[in-house]
Amino acid sequence: MIVTVGKNGAIPLPDELCQDSKLSIGDILLCTVMKDNNSIKLEKYEDQTLSDEQIEGHGSLTRVETLNSKYFE
């Protein structure tokens, strides 16, 4: 699947992807840049109890948030 990265690194997740992978708003994801540097692997992180500060401090984590169209203008 190819998606366009928006402002501030926003990546839209199509509804079918969220349903298939059982992702929900608020889930914490581990983001891994693949060897080709052209793709990113997103997987649900094992510890879903982290604070926003802990997520930011990790460097490779993100939280699934509601899509805001201003990030893609």
N, C-alpha and C. Protein backbone atom coordinates (compact mmCIF):
# COMPACT_ATOMS: atom_id res chain seq x y z
N MET A 1 0.84 -1.17 0.00
CA MET A 1 0.00 0.00 0.00
C MET A 1 0.89 1.24 0.00
N ILE A 2 0.55 2.20 -0.81
CA ILE A 2 1.30 3.44 -0.89
C ILE A 2 0.40 4.56 -0.37
N VAL A 3 0.93 5.36 0.56
CA VAL A 3 0.20 6.51 1.08
C VAL A 3 1.11 7.73 1.02
N THR A 4 0.52 8.90 1.06
CA THR A 4 1.27 10.14 1.04
C THR A 4 1.48 10.62 2.47
N VAL A 5 2.72 10.91 2.81
CA VAL A 5 3.03 11.45 4.13
C VAL A 5 2.72 12.93 4.12
N GLY A 6 1.95 13.37 5.11
CA GLY A 6 1.55 14.77 5.18
C GLY A 6 2.49 15.60 6.03
N LYS A 7 2.06 16.80 6.33
CA LYS A 7 2.84 17.70 7.18
C LYS A 7 3.04 17.05 8.54
N ASN A 8 4.15 17.33 9.16
CA ASN A 8 4.45 16.83 10.50
C ASN A 8 4.52 15.30 10.55
N GLY A 9 4.78 14.66 9.38
CA GLY A 9 4.94 13.21 9.34
C GLY A 9 3.65 12.43 9.44
N ALA A 10 2.51 13.06 9.24
CA ALA A 10 1.22 12.38 9.33
C ALA A 10 1.07 11.35 8.21
N ILE A 11 0.59 10.15 8.57
CA ILE A 11 0.37 9.08 7.60
C ILE A 11 -1.07 8.62 7.73
N PRO A 12 -1.88 8.76 6.68
CA PRO A 12 -3.26 8.31 6.76
C PRO A 12 -3.34 6.78 6.73
N LEU A 13 -4.16 6.21 7.58
CA LEU A 13 -4.38 4.76 7.59
C LEU A 13 -5.78 4.50 7.07
N PRO A 14 -5.92 3.90 5.90
CA PRO A 14 -7.25 3.62 5.35
C PRO A 14 -8.06 2.73 6.30
N ASP A 15 -9.38 2.90 6.28
CA ASP A 15 -10.26 2.15 7.17
C ASP A 15 -10.05 0.64 7.06
N GLU A 16 -9.88 0.14 5.83
CA GLU A 16 -9.72 -1.31 5.66
C GLU A 16 -8.44 -1.82 6.33
N LEU A 17 -7.39 -1.01 6.34
CA LEU A 17 -6.15 -1.40 7.00
C LEU A 17 -6.36 -1.46 8.52
N CYS A 18 -7.06 -0.49 9.06
CA CYS A 18 -7.32 -0.48 10.51
C CYS A 18 -8.20 -1.67 10.91
N GLN A 19 -9.18 -2.01 10.07
CA GLN A 19 -10.04 -3.15 10.38
C GLN A 19 -9.27 -4.46 10.29
N ASP A 20 -8.47 -4.64 9.26
CA ASP A 20 -7.72 -5.87 9.08
C ASP A 20 -6.68 -6.08 10.18
N SER A 21 -6.06 -5.00 10.63
CA SER A 21 -4.99 -5.11 11.62
C SER A 21 -5.49 -4.87 13.05
N LYS A 22 -6.77 -4.58 13.18
CA LYS A 22 -7.39 -4.33 14.48
C LYS A 22 -6.77 -3.12 15.19
N LEU A 23 -6.38 -2.10 14.41
CA LEU A 23 -5.86 -0.86 14.99
C LEU A 23 -7.03 0.03 15.39
N SER A 24 -6.84 0.78 16.46
CA SER A 24 -7.87 1.69 16.95
C SER A 24 -7.23 3.03 17.29
N ILE A 25 -8.06 4.07 17.34
CA ILE A 25 -7.59 5.38 17.77
C ILE A 25 -7.01 5.22 19.18
N GLY A 26 -5.82 5.76 19.39
CA GLY A 26 -5.16 5.69 20.69
C GLY A 26 -4.11 4.60 20.79
N ASP A 27 -4.12 3.64 19.85
CA ASP A 27 -3.11 2.57 19.87
C ASP A 27 -1.72 3.14 19.65
N ILE A 28 -0.73 2.50 20.27
CA ILE A 28 0.67 2.89 20.09
C ILE A 28 1.30 1.95 19.08
N LEU A 29 1.97 2.52 18.07
CA LEU A 29 2.59 1.74 17.00
C LEU A 29 4.10 1.91 17.02
N LEU A 30 4.79 0.82 16.70
CA LEU A 30 6.24 0.85 16.50
C LEU A 30 6.47 1.05 15.00
N CYS A 31 7.25 2.06 14.64
CA CYS A 31 7.53 2.39 13.24
C CYS A 31 8.97 2.00 12.92
N THR A 32 9.13 1.12 11.93
CA THR A 32 10.45 0.66 11.53
C THR A 32 10.68 0.98 10.07
N VAL A 33 11.74 1.75 9.78
CA VAL A 33 12.10 2.05 8.39
C VAL A 33 12.77 0.80 7.83
N MET A 34 12.29 0.35 6.69
CA MET A 34 12.82 -0.87 6.08
C MET A 34 14.16 -0.58 5.39
N LYS A 35 14.88 -1.64 5.06
CA LYS A 35 16.23 -1.52 4.49
C LYS A 35 16.27 -0.68 3.22
N ASP A 36 15.20 -0.72 2.42
CA ASP A 36 15.20 0.04 1.17
C ASP A 36 14.97 1.54 1.38
N ASN A 37 14.70 1.94 2.62
CA ASN A 37 14.42 3.33 2.99
C ASN A 37 13.24 3.93 2.24
N ASN A 38 12.45 3.10 1.59
CA ASN A 38 11.27 3.57 0.86
C ASN A 38 9.98 3.10 1.48
N SER A 39 10.07 2.35 2.57
CA SER A 39 8.85 1.85 3.20
C SER A 39 9.02 1.82 4.71
N ILE A 40 7.87 1.83 5.38
CA ILE A 40 7.83 1.81 6.84
C ILE A 40 6.93 0.67 7.27
N LYS A 41 7.39 -0.09 8.23
CA LYS A 41 6.60 -1.16 8.82
C LYS A 41 5.96 -0.61 10.09
N LEU A 42 4.64 -0.74 10.20
CA LEU A 42 3.90 -0.30 11.38
C LEU A 42 3.34 -1.53 12.07
N GLU A 43 3.63 -1.68 13.35
CA GLU A 43 3.07 -2.79 14.10
C GLU A 43 2.67 -2.31 15.49
N LYS A 44 1.63 -2.92 16.03
CA LYS A 44 1.15 -2.54 17.34
C LYS A 44 2.23 -2.83 18.38
N TYR A 45 2.56 -1.84 19.19
CA TYR A 45 3.60 -1.97 20.21
C TYR A 45 3.07 -2.78 21.38
N GLU A 46 3.95 -3.59 21.99
CA GLU A 46 3.49 -4.49 23.05
C GLU A 46 3.00 -3.76 24.30
N ASP A 47 3.58 -2.60 24.64
CA ASP A 47 3.18 -1.85 25.84
C ASP A 47 2.27 -0.70 25.42
N GLN A 48 0.98 -0.86 25.62
CA GLN A 48 0.00 0.15 25.23
C GLN A 48 -0.30 1.14 26.36
N THR A 49 0.51 1.14 27.42
CA THR A 49 0.25 1.99 28.59
C THR A 49 1.16 3.21 28.65
N LEU A 50 1.98 3.45 27.64
CA LEU A 50 2.94 4.54 27.67
C LEU A 50 2.26 5.91 27.60
N SER A 51 2.86 6.88 28.26
CA SER A 51 2.39 8.26 28.18
C SER A 51 2.89 8.89 26.87
N ASP A 52 2.35 10.05 26.53
CA ASP A 52 2.82 10.75 25.33
C ASP A 52 4.30 11.09 25.44
N GLU A 53 4.76 11.44 26.64
CA GLU A 53 6.17 11.77 26.85
C GLU A 53 7.06 10.55 26.61
N GLN A 54 6.62 9.38 27.08
CA GLN A 54 7.39 8.15 26.87
C GLN A 54 7.42 7.78 25.39
N ILE A 55 6.32 7.98 24.70
CA ILE A 55 6.26 7.68 23.27
C ILE A 55 7.25 8.59 22.53
N GLU A 56 7.22 9.86 22.84
CA GLU A 56 8.12 10.81 22.18
C GLU A 56 9.58 10.50 22.50
N GLY A 57 9.87 10.11 23.72
CA GLY A 57 11.23 9.80 24.13
C GLY A 57 11.80 8.56 23.47
N HIS A 58 10.93 7.64 23.08
CA HIS A 58 11.38 6.39 22.45
C HIS A 58 11.97 6.65 21.08
N GLY A 59 11.32 7.52 20.31
CA GLY A 59 11.84 7.88 19.00
C GLY A 59 11.27 7.10 17.83
N SER A 60 10.80 5.87 18.06
CA SER A 60 10.25 5.07 16.96
C SER A 60 8.79 4.69 17.20
N LEU A 61 8.15 5.37 18.13
CA LEU A 61 6.76 5.07 18.45
C LEU A 61 5.87 6.24 18.05
N THR A 62 4.63 5.92 17.77
CA THR A 62 3.63 6.94 17.49
C THR A 62 2.29 6.44 17.98
N ARG A 63 1.35 7.35 18.15
CA ARG A 63 0.00 6.98 18.58
C ARG A 63 -0.96 7.21 17.41
N VAL A 64 -1.90 6.30 17.20
CA VAL A 64 -2.92 6.46 16.17
C VAL A 64 -3.88 7.56 16.63
N GLU A 65 -4.04 8.58 15.80
CA GLU A 65 -4.90 9.70 16.13
C GLU A 65 -5.93 9.90 15.02
N THR A 66 -6.97 10.64 15.33
CA THR A 66 -7.99 10.96 14.34
C THR A 66 -7.37 11.80 13.23
N LEU A 67 -7.69 11.48 11.99
CA LEU A 67 -7.16 12.19 10.83
C LEU A 67 -7.60 13.65 10.85
N ASN A 68 -6.67 14.55 10.73
CA ASN A 68 -6.95 15.98 10.66
C ASN A 68 -6.51 16.44 9.27
N SER A 69 -7.45 16.88 8.48
CA SER A 69 -7.17 17.24 7.08
C SER A 69 -6.14 18.37 6.95
N LYS A 70 -5.93 19.18 7.98
CA LYS A 70 -4.96 20.29 7.87
C LYS A 70 -3.53 19.76 7.69
N TYR A 71 -3.28 18.50 8.09
CA TYR A 71 -1.95 17.93 7.94
C TYR A 71 -1.66 17.49 6.51
N PHE A 72 -2.65 17.60 5.62
CA PHE A 72 -2.48 17.16 4.24
C PHE A 72 -2.80 18.26 3.24
N GLU A 73 -2.93 19.49 3.72
CA GLU A 73 -3.22 20.61 2.82
C GLU A 73 -1.97 21.07 2.09
